[in-house]
Protein backbone atom coordinates (compact mmCIF):
# COMPACT_ATOMS: atom_id res chain seq x y z
CA UNK A 1 9.48 -3.06 20.98
CA UNK A 2 9.52 -1.20 17.83
CA UNK A 3 11.21 -4.12 15.93
CA UNK A 4 8.60 -6.39 17.34
CA UNK A 5 5.75 -4.19 16.18
CA UNK A 6 7.58 -3.59 12.63
CA UNK A 7 7.66 -7.28 12.32
CA UNK A 8 4.05 -7.71 12.99
CA UNK A 9 3.26 -4.90 10.63
CA UNK A 10 5.16 -6.55 7.70
CA UNK A 11 3.54 -9.80 8.35
CA UNK A 12 0.34 -8.07 8.23
CA UNK A 13 0.87 -6.44 4.90
CA UNK A 14 2.16 -9.32 3.45
CA UNK A 15 -1.32 -10.90 4.12
CA UNK A 16 -3.12 -8.31 2.19
CA UNK A 17 -2.64 -9.27 -1.62
CA UNK A 18 -3.26 -13.07 -0.98
CA UNK A 19 -6.38 -12.49 1.39
CA UNK A 20 -7.91 -10.19 -1.23
CA UNK A 21 -7.35 -12.62 -4.38
CA UNK A 22 -8.93 -15.17 -2.13
CA UNK A 23 -12.32 -13.21 -1.19
CA UNK A 24 -15.16 -13.62 -3.22
CA UNK A 25 -16.57 -10.30 -3.09
CA UNK A 26 -16.19 -7.35 -5.63
CA UNK A 27 -12.74 -5.52 -5.54
CA UNK A 28 -13.99 -2.23 -4.87
CA UNK A 29 -16.66 -3.77 -2.33
CA UNK A 30 -13.58 -5.18 -0.63
CA UNK A 31 -11.39 -1.97 -0.27
CA UNK A 32 -14.83 -0.22 0.95
CA UNK A 33 -15.08 -2.50 3.71
CA UNK A 34 -11.50 -2.80 4.74
CA UNK A 35 -11.70 1.07 5.28
CA UNK A 36 -14.98 1.59 6.86
CA UNK A 37 -14.20 -1.23 9.32
CA UNK A 38 -10.70 0.29 10.23
CA UNK A 39 -12.65 3.82 10.80
CA UNK A 40 -15.38 1.78 12.92
CA UNK A 41 -12.37 0.48 15.01
CA UNK A 42 -10.54 3.94 15.05
CA UNK A 43 -13.81 6.06 15.96
CA UNK A 44 -13.89 5.52 19.84
CA UNK A 45 -10.29 6.50 19.93
CA UNK A 46 -10.25 9.32 17.72
CA UNK A 47 -13.50 10.91 18.92
CA UNK A 48 -12.85 10.61 22.73
CA UNK A 49 -8.96 10.88 23.01
CA UNK A 50 -8.21 13.14 20.08
CA UNK A 51 -11.38 15.16 19.73
CA UNK A 52 -9.61 18.15 20.82
CA UNK A 53 -6.97 17.61 17.99
CA UNK A 54 -9.45 16.70 15.40
CA UNK A 55 -11.37 20.40 16.04
CA UNK A 56 -8.21 22.25 15.82
CA UNK A 57 -6.31 20.46 12.86
CA UNK A 58 -6.32 23.48 10.77
CA UNK A 59 -7.36 23.86 7.60
CA UNK A 60 -4.45 22.82 5.51
CA UNK A 61 -3.61 19.29 7.54
CA UNK A 62 -7.10 18.63 7.14
CA UNK A 63 -7.05 19.31 3.28
CA UNK A 64 -4.14 17.33 2.99
CA UNK A 65 -5.40 14.36 5.01
CA UNK A 66 -8.59 14.38 2.77
CA UNK A 67 -6.53 14.70 -0.35
CA UNK A 68 -4.32 11.67 0.94
CA UNK A 69 -7.68 9.67 1.51
CA UNK A 70 -8.76 10.30 -1.95
CA UNK A 71 -5.39 9.15 -3.63
CA UNK A 72 -5.45 6.00 -0.98
CA UNK A 73 -8.84 5.11 -2.65
CA UNK A 74 -7.30 5.57 -6.18
CA UNK A 75 -4.38 3.42 -4.97
CA UNK A 76 -7.00 0.65 -3.62
CA UNK A 77 -9.39 0.95 -6.92
CA UNK A 78 -6.47 0.31 -9.23
CA UNK A 79 -4.60 -2.26 -6.94
CA UNK A 80 -7.46 -4.64 -5.57
CA UNK A 81 -8.80 -5.20 -9.31
CA UNK A 82 -5.37 -6.12 -10.41
CA UNK A 83 -5.16 -9.03 -8.18
CA UNK A 84 -7.71 -10.98 -9.89
CA UNK A 85 -6.15 -10.30 -13.38
CA UNK A 86 -2.47 -11.17 -12.82
CA UNK A 87 -0.27 -12.99 -10.15
CA UNK A 88 -0.26 -11.88 -6.75
CA UNK A 89 3.34 -11.98 -6.94
CA UNK A 90 3.56 -9.54 -9.92
CA UNK A 91 0.62 -7.71 -8.71
CA UNK A 92 2.52 -6.93 -5.34
CA UNK A 93 6.14 -6.24 -7.06
CA UNK A 94 4.44 -3.57 -9.26
CA UNK A 95 2.49 -1.81 -6.49
CA UNK A 96 5.54 -1.41 -4.35
CA UNK A 97 7.36 0.54 -6.79
CA UNK A 98 6.21 3.36 -4.96
CA UNK A 99 9.79 4.76 -3.77
CA UNK A 100 10.52 5.48 -7.53
CA UNK A 101 7.50 7.58 -8.15
CA UNK A 102 8.27 9.34 -4.90
CA UNK A 103 11.88 9.97 -5.83
CA UNK A 104 10.69 11.24 -9.50
CA UNK A 105 8.09 13.64 -7.62
CA UNK A 106 10.59 15.07 -5.26
CA UNK A 107 13.23 15.67 -8.02
CA UNK A 108 10.34 17.64 -9.96
CA UNK A 109 9.76 19.61 -6.91
CA UNK A 110 13.42 20.80 -6.77
CA UNK A 111 15.05 18.06 -4.69
CA UNK A 112 18.47 16.88 -6.01
CA UNK A 113 18.59 13.10 -5.14
CA UNK A 114 22.19 11.57 -5.02
CA UNK A 115 23.52 9.50 -7.73
CA UNK A 116 22.56 6.25 -5.82
CA UNK A 117 19.18 6.90 -5.88
CA UNK A 118 18.94 7.50 -9.69
CA UNK A 119 20.93 3.83 -9.92
CA UNK A 120 18.67 2.14 -7.54
CA UNK A 121 15.63 3.48 -9.50
CA UNK A 122 17.09 2.58 -12.84
CA UNK A 123 17.63 -0.75 -11.51
CA UNK A 124 14.10 -1.24 -9.99
CA UNK A 125 12.68 -0.27 -13.16
CA UNK A 126 14.66 -2.73 -15.20
CA UNK A 127 13.14 -5.39 -12.73
CA UNK A 128 9.60 -4.08 -13.19
CA UNK A 129 10.36 -4.40 -16.96
CA UNK A 130 11.42 -7.98 -16.50
CA UNK A 131 8.60 -8.94 -14.49
CA UNK A 132 5.88 -7.28 -16.57
CA UNK A 133 7.21 -9.30 -19.56
CA UNK A 134 6.63 -12.51 -17.90
CA UNK A 135 3.01 -11.74 -18.24
CA UNK A 136 2.82 -10.59 -22.01
CA UNK A 137 2.40 -14.42 -22.79
CA UNK A 138 -0.70 -14.82 -20.80
CA UNK A 139 -3.00 -12.29 -22.66
CA UNK A 140 -4.21 -8.61 -22.54
CA UNK A 141 -5.90 -9.45 -19.21
CA UNK A 142 -2.80 -10.08 -17.28
CA UNK A 143 -0.96 -7.00 -18.96
CA UNK A 144 -3.87 -4.65 -18.04
CA UNK A 145 -3.43 -6.01 -14.37
CA UNK A 146 0.20 -5.31 -14.54
CA UNK A 147 -0.92 -1.51 -15.70
CA UNK A 148 -3.45 -1.30 -12.60
CA UNK A 149 -0.94 -2.61 -10.07
CA UNK A 150 1.85 -0.01 -11.62
CA UNK A 151 -0.54 2.92 -11.40
CA UNK A 152 -1.45 1.82 -8.03
CA UNK A 153 2.02 2.40 -7.06
CA UNK A 154 2.02 5.60 -8.49
CA UNK A 155 -0.87 6.66 -6.39
CA UNK A 156 0.80 5.35 -3.18
CA UNK A 157 3.69 7.52 -3.73
CA UNK A 158 1.17 10.66 -3.63
CA UNK A 159 -0.48 9.22 -0.69
CA UNK A 160 3.13 8.85 1.09
CA UNK A 161 3.94 12.39 0.38
CA UNK A 162 0.77 13.73 1.49
CA UNK A 163 0.77 11.80 4.60
CA UNK A 164 4.45 12.78 5.22
CA UNK A 165 3.45 16.61 5.39
CA UNK A 166 0.27 15.86 7.50
CA UNK A 167 2.45 13.98 10.32
CA UNK A 168 4.83 16.76 10.72
CA UNK A 169 1.85 18.42 13.05
CA UNK A 170 -0.88 15.73 13.22
CA UNK A 171 -0.77 12.35 15.31
CA UNK A 172 -1.24 9.13 13.74
CA UNK A 173 -4.71 8.67 15.06
CA UNK A 174 -6.02 11.94 13.90
CA UNK A 175 -4.44 11.31 10.54
CA UNK A 176 -5.37 8.16 9.77
CA UNK A 177 -9.08 8.69 10.88
CA UNK A 178 -9.46 11.41 8.61
CA UNK A 179 -7.58 9.66 5.76
CA UNK A 180 -9.42 6.23 6.16
CA UNK A 181 -12.77 7.99 6.51
CA UNK A 182 -12.45 10.03 3.19
CA UNK A 183 -11.28 6.60 1.36
CA UNK A 184 -14.37 4.83 2.63
CA UNK A 185 -16.79 7.52 1.47
CA UNK A 186 -14.86 7.71 -2.11
CA UNK A 187 -14.85 4.01 -2.39
CA UNK A 188 -18.53 3.91 -1.14
CA UNK A 189 -19.46 6.33 -3.84
CA UNK A 190 -17.65 4.16 -6.59
CA UNK A 191 -19.11 1.04 -5.23
CA UNK A 192 -22.81 2.71 -5.79
CA UNK A 193 -21.76 4.05 -9.32
CA UNK A 194 -20.39 0.76 -10.52
CA UNK A 195 -23.01 -1.37 -9.07
CA UNK A 196 -20.52 -3.47 -6.79
CA UNK A 197 -22.58 -5.50 -4.36
CA UNK A 198 -21.55 -4.16 -0.77
CA UNK A 199 -23.43 -7.25 0.99
CA UNK A 200 -25.03 -10.79 0.32
CA UNK A 201 -21.75 -12.62 1.02
CA UNK A 202 -21.35 -16.03 2.79
CA UNK A 203 -19.88 -16.12 6.08
CA UNK A 204 -16.53 -17.00 4.74
CA UNK A 205 -16.36 -14.04 2.74
CA UNK A 206 -16.87 -11.91 5.61
CA UNK A 207 -14.49 -13.58 8.14
CA UNK A 208 -11.78 -12.94 5.00
CA UNK A 209 -12.66 -9.19 4.82
CA UNK A 210 -12.58 -8.93 8.55
CA UNK A 211 -9.14 -10.62 8.55
CA UNK A 212 -7.78 -8.32 6.10
CA UNK A 213 -9.09 -5.24 8.11
CA UNK A 214 -7.10 -6.65 11.20
CA UNK A 215 -3.85 -7.76 9.64
CA UNK A 216 -3.01 -5.47 6.71
CA UNK A 217 -5.24 -2.16 7.67
CA UNK A 218 -4.72 -2.09 11.46
CA UNK A 219 -1.71 -4.05 12.17
CA UNK A 220 -0.04 -3.40 9.01
CA UNK A 221 -0.43 0.16 7.94
CA UNK A 222 -1.31 1.41 11.45
CA UNK A 223 1.74 -0.14 13.08
CA UNK A 224 4.09 1.22 10.23
CA UNK A 225 2.90 4.62 11.20
CA UNK A 226 3.53 3.93 14.76
CA UNK A 227 7.32 2.62 14.63
CA UNK A 228 8.15 5.11 11.93
CA UNK A 229 8.80 7.78 14.67
CA UNK A 230 11.22 5.59 16.61
CA UNK A 231 13.02 3.34 13.87
CA UNK A 232 12.98 6.26 11.14
CA UNK A 233 11.66 6.43 7.55
CA UNK A 234 14.59 4.63 6.22
CA UNK A 235 14.51 1.68 8.11
CA UNK A 236 10.94 1.14 8.02
CA UNK A 237 10.78 1.82 4.31
CA UNK A 238 13.49 -0.98 3.85
CA UNK A 239 11.57 -3.46 5.81
CA UNK A 240 8.17 -2.84 3.58
CA UNK A 241 10.23 -4.32 0.88
CA UNK A 242 9.73 -7.33 2.33
CA UNK A 243 6.16 -7.40 1.42
CA UNK A 244 6.80 -8.45 -2.22
CA UNK A 245 8.38 -11.48 -1.06
CA UNK A 246 6.36 -12.21 1.94
CA UNK A 247 2.86 -12.00 -0.38
CA UNK A 248 4.53 -14.27 -2.98
CA UNK A 249 5.54 -16.96 -0.29
CA UNK A 250 1.90 -16.63 0.96
CA UNK A 251 0.18 -17.10 -2.22
CA UNK A 252 2.39 -19.82 -3.26
CA UNK A 253 1.53 -21.77 0.06
CA UNK A 254 -2.02 -20.75 0.37
CA UNK A 255 -3.22 -20.27 -3.07
CA UNK A 256 -0.83 -22.36 -5.21
CA UNK A 257 0.36 -19.44 -7.11
CA UNK A 258 3.94 -20.50 -7.36
CA UNK A 259 5.51 -17.65 -9.69
CA UNK A 260 7.74 -19.19 -12.64
CA UNK A 261 11.57 -19.58 -12.10
CA UNK A 262 11.99 -16.56 -14.23
CA UNK A 263 10.00 -14.29 -11.83
CA UNK A 264 12.52 -14.70 -8.78
CA UNK A 265 15.46 -12.97 -10.60
CA UNK A 266 12.99 -10.16 -11.58
CA UNK A 267 11.61 -9.93 -8.00
CA UNK A 268 15.16 -9.86 -6.87
CA UNK A 269 16.12 -7.05 -9.36
CA UNK A 270 13.49 -4.88 -8.01
CA UNK A 271 14.20 -5.31 -4.45
CA UNK A 272 18.07 -4.51 -4.95
CA UNK A 273 17.09 -1.34 -6.87
CA UNK A 274 14.50 -0.20 -4.17
CA UNK A 275 17.19 -1.17 -1.38
CA UNK A 276 19.77 1.21 -3.07
CA UNK A 277 17.22 3.88 -3.19
CA UNK A 278 16.61 3.42 0.80
CA UNK A 279 20.21 3.21 1.18
CA UNK A 280 20.99 6.58 -0.33
CA UNK A 281 18.40 7.97 1.87
CA UNK A 282 19.95 6.84 4.76
CA UNK A 283 23.29 7.97 4.06
CA UNK A 284 21.83 11.34 3.29
CA UNK A 285 20.24 11.37 6.91
CA UNK A 286 23.52 10.18 8.76
């Protein structure tokens, strides 16, 4: 059952970038509605079945959940605009460099990753440089999109590290309810400040936002949080790497964004580097 749910989750998150790129709405508004709708779906369960846990969550867990929500808002605030500035394949690849930044943060905090982790990190960085270089010839707009996607990957590392701390004592539902709620509030404020339209879309746009919420947020992120207990973080993290080729394939078939031939080796280098990082983590846990 866990592997079946994992397959559904990977398919869900792979739909995220192509759906966002195809949705005719401001990037910040899409991010807001994605989280707000998810909170709406989670609210009956969280406020009824987990109300006791929410009341006694503790100041530390609650504070870390709120912090994770703020960082997640930063992640969405950078990644979604990048999808309109560079290709889906490039944006997704740069955004999924999260394990690189997670490793570096852990090293700063005193952890000593094995040599295989550093080798994988270096290899993935080479792939990122190769992939980013492919956009240099398309102008500063694509390069800015690359930078935003890379920053989104860094923000996601903070989100993952904060979430890992909270999940030691809190359930998935309680944590995601507080986190997504915080993210929605922060993104709502960002939309109001920036003047991003929160409505007035046509029916097709609303359907795409609903599809994004169901596939990427509820079936994607929430199911990943569900299966990580049974399959472990190493297997789950390795599977998440499939989002990059998955999103690229969907974008090629649906949006016609077929990457140039030189992009495929760069994507392969990134995935190989990240796979080495995960392999080292599995050996450590063995």
